[in-house]
């Protein structure tokens, strides 16, 4: 068995640790499954989406990013009202041209 050193941003390594832990696997086991799925000959010529499907079937595809949460409708309405107050941009531009 070989050992490999891999340099990666701390944030990525931490996210990998969290995903592996959430799957009940060690980081080593998770990375081994991830790489094995990525280099499987069945997916070598099928493109990115096929690889993602294969990774999902292998149980090593982490959700992409943080889900977006819509802001509260009342907060958006208040922000719109506040944006309507103040000096119009046209006034600021014309003041600067004098």
C-alpha atoms as a PDB file:
ATOM      1  CA  UNK A   1       0.000   0.000   0.000  1.00  0.00           C
ATOM      2  CA  UNK A   2       1.290   3.465  -0.925  1.00  0.00           C
ATOM      3  CA  UNK A   3       1.005   6.717   0.939  1.00  0.00           C
ATOM      4  CA  UNK A   4       0.413  10.076  -0.774  1.00  0.00           C
ATOM      5  CA  UNK A   5       0.876  13.611   0.514  1.00  0.00           C
ATOM      6  CA  UNK A   6      -1.733  16.065  -0.731  1.00  0.00           C
ATOM      7  CA  UNK A   7      -1.644  19.827  -0.254  1.00  0.00           C
ATOM      8  CA  UNK A   8      -5.032  21.528  -0.081  1.00  0.00           C
ATOM      9  CA  UNK A   9      -6.552  24.637   1.470  1.00  0.00           C
ATOM     10  CA  UNK A  10      -7.399  24.207   5.151  1.00  0.00           C
ATOM     11  CA  UNK A  11     -11.067  25.001   4.470  1.00  0.00           C
ATOM     12  CA  UNK A  12     -11.311  22.172   1.937  1.00  0.00           C
ATOM     13  CA  UNK A  13      -9.638  19.678   4.244  1.00  0.00           C
ATOM     14  CA  UNK A  14     -11.966  20.658   7.082  1.00  0.00           C
ATOM     15  CA  UNK A  15     -15.011  20.272   4.844  1.00  0.00           C
ATOM     16  CA  UNK A  16     -13.768  16.838   3.752  1.00  0.00           C
ATOM     17  CA  UNK A  17     -13.339  15.851   7.396  1.00  0.00           C
ATOM     18  CA  UNK A  18     -16.877  16.976   8.188  1.00  0.00           C
ATOM     19  CA  UNK A  19     -18.393  15.129   5.227  1.00  0.00           C
ATOM     20  CA  UNK A  20     -16.419  11.961   6.020  1.00  0.00           C
ATOM     21  CA  UNK A  21     -17.478  12.145   9.649  1.00  0.00           C
ATOM     22  CA  UNK A  22     -21.085  12.663   8.625  1.00  0.00           C
ATOM     23  CA  UNK A  23     -20.813   9.498   6.512  1.00  0.00           C
ATOM     24  CA  UNK A  24     -19.323   7.619   9.473  1.00  0.00           C
ATOM     25  CA  UNK A  25     -16.002   7.166   7.667  1.00  0.00           C
ATOM     26  CA  UNK A  26     -12.414   8.134   8.336  1.00  0.00           C
ATOM     27  CA  UNK A  27     -10.907  10.848   6.149  1.00  0.00           C
ATOM     28  CA  UNK A  28      -8.612   8.246   4.592  1.00  0.00           C
ATOM     29  CA  UNK A  29     -11.493   5.902   3.752  1.00  0.00           C
ATOM     30  CA  UNK A  30     -13.564   8.763   2.349  1.00  0.00           C
ATOM     31  CA  UNK A  31     -10.732  10.058   0.129  1.00  0.00           C
ATOM     32  CA  UNK A  32      -9.943   6.527  -1.090  1.00  0.00           C
ATOM     33  CA  UNK A  33     -13.577   5.998  -2.119  1.00  0.00           C
ATOM     34  CA  UNK A  34     -13.697   9.440  -3.702  1.00  0.00           C
ATOM     35  CA  UNK A  35     -10.593   8.889  -5.827  1.00  0.00           C
ATOM     36  CA  UNK A  36     -11.568   5.326  -6.717  1.00  0.00           C
ATOM     37  CA  UNK A  37     -14.943   6.552  -8.001  1.00  0.00           C
ATOM     38  CA  UNK A  38     -13.302   9.392  -9.946  1.00  0.00           C
ATOM     39  CA  UNK A  39     -10.822   7.155 -11.781  1.00  0.00           C
ATOM     40  CA  UNK A  40     -13.136   4.215 -12.404  1.00  0.00           C
ATOM     41  CA  UNK A  41     -12.825   3.200 -16.095  1.00  0.00           C
ATOM     42  CA  UNK A  42     -16.624   3.290 -16.465  1.00  0.00           C
ATOM     43  CA  UNK A  43     -16.576   7.084 -16.026  1.00  0.00           C
ATOM     44  CA  UNK A  44     -13.258   7.975 -17.673  1.00  0.00           C
ATOM     45  CA  UNK A  45     -14.802   9.181 -20.948  1.00  0.00           C
ATOM     46  CA  UNK A  46     -18.270  10.281 -19.855  1.00  0.00           C
ATOM     47  CA  UNK A  47     -17.674  13.860 -18.709  1.00  0.00           C
ATOM     48  CA  UNK A  48     -18.212  15.791 -15.527  1.00  0.00           C
ATOM     49  CA  UNK A  49     -21.877  15.002 -14.952  1.00  0.00           C
ATOM     50  CA  UNK A  50     -21.260  11.277 -15.244  1.00  0.00           C
ATOM     51  CA  UNK A  51     -18.450  11.559 -12.673  1.00  0.00           C
ATOM     52  CA  UNK A  52     -20.742  13.442 -10.311  1.00  0.00           C
ATOM     53  CA  UNK A  53     -23.360  10.708 -10.670  1.00  0.00           C
ATOM     54  CA  UNK A  54     -20.730   8.062  -9.979  1.00  0.00           C
ATOM     55  CA  UNK A  55     -19.477   9.960  -6.918  1.00  0.00           C
ATOM     56  CA  UNK A  56     -23.045  10.264  -5.642  1.00  0.00           C
ATOM     57  CA  UNK A  57     -23.586   6.500  -6.077  1.00  0.00           C
ATOM     58  CA  UNK A  58     -20.357   5.868  -4.189  1.00  0.00           C
ATOM     59  CA  UNK A  59     -21.670   8.027  -1.346  1.00  0.00           C
ATOM     60  CA  UNK A  60     -18.867  10.578  -1.533  1.00  0.00           C
ATOM     61  CA  UNK A  61     -20.505  13.566  -3.242  1.00  0.00           C
ATOM     62  CA  UNK A  62     -20.810  16.427  -0.774  1.00  0.00           C
ATOM     63  CA  UNK A  63     -23.605  18.957  -1.178  1.00  0.00           C
ATOM     64  CA  UNK A  64     -22.454  22.028  -3.081  1.00  0.00           C
ATOM     65  CA  UNK A  65     -22.009  25.080  -0.887  1.00  0.00           C
ATOM     66  CA  UNK A  66     -24.346  26.571   1.630  1.00  0.00           C
ATOM     67  CA  UNK A  67     -28.017  26.673   0.656  1.00  0.00           C
ATOM     68  CA  UNK A  68     -29.278  30.159  -0.092  1.00  0.00           C
ATOM     69  CA  UNK A  69     -31.955  31.514   2.212  1.00  0.00           C
ATOM     70  CA  UNK A  70     -34.284  34.213   0.953  1.00  0.00           C
ATOM     71  CA  UNK A  71     -34.277  37.352   3.071  1.00  0.00           C
ATOM     72  CA  UNK A  72     -37.387  38.187   5.035  1.00  0.00           C
ATOM     73  CA  UNK A  73     -39.964  39.928   2.800  1.00  0.00           C
ATOM     74  CA  UNK A  74     -40.485  42.699   5.377  1.00  0.00           C
ATOM     75  CA  UNK A  75     -36.735  43.366   5.531  1.00  0.00           C
ATOM     76  CA  UNK A  76     -36.594  43.604   1.715  1.00  0.00           C
ATOM     77  CA  UNK A  77     -39.539  46.018   1.673  1.00  0.00           C
ATOM     78  CA  UNK A  78     -37.872  48.192   4.315  1.00  0.00           C
ATOM     79  CA  UNK A  79     -34.598  48.192   2.387  1.00  0.00           C
ATOM     80  CA  UNK A  80     -36.463  49.327  -0.732  1.00  0.00           C
ATOM     81  CA  UNK A  81     -38.141  52.143   1.197  1.00  0.00           C
ATOM     82  CA  UNK A  82     -34.793  53.214   2.672  1.00  0.00           C
ATOM     83  CA  UNK A  83     -33.128  53.119  -0.729  1.00  0.00           C
ATOM     84  CA  UNK A  84     -35.746  55.544  -2.034  1.00  0.00           C
ATOM     85  CA  UNK A  85     -34.708  58.195   0.507  1.00  0.00           C
ATOM     86  CA  UNK A  86     -31.585  60.245   0.151  1.00  0.00           C
ATOM     87  CA  UNK A  87     -29.843  62.177  -2.581  1.00  0.00           C
ATOM     88  CA  UNK A  88     -30.550  61.003  -6.122  1.00  0.00           C
ATOM     89  CA  UNK A  89     -27.498  59.847  -8.057  1.00  0.00           C
ATOM     90  CA  UNK A  90     -28.204  62.402 -10.789  1.00  0.00           C
ATOM     91  CA  UNK A  91     -27.818  65.216  -8.223  1.00  0.00           C
ATOM     92  CA  UNK A  92     -24.515  63.811  -7.008  1.00  0.00           C
ATOM     93  CA  UNK A  93     -23.188  63.564 -10.563  1.00  0.00           C
ATOM     94  CA  UNK A  94     -24.324  67.080 -11.536  1.00  0.00           C
ATOM     95  CA  UNK A  95     -22.852  68.544  -8.293  1.00  0.00           C
ATOM     96  CA  UNK A  96     -19.495  67.018  -9.161  1.00  0.00           C
ATOM     97  CA  UNK A  97     -19.526  68.639 -12.621  1.00  0.00           C
ATOM     98  CA  UNK A  98     -19.863  72.197 -11.386  1.00  0.00           C
END
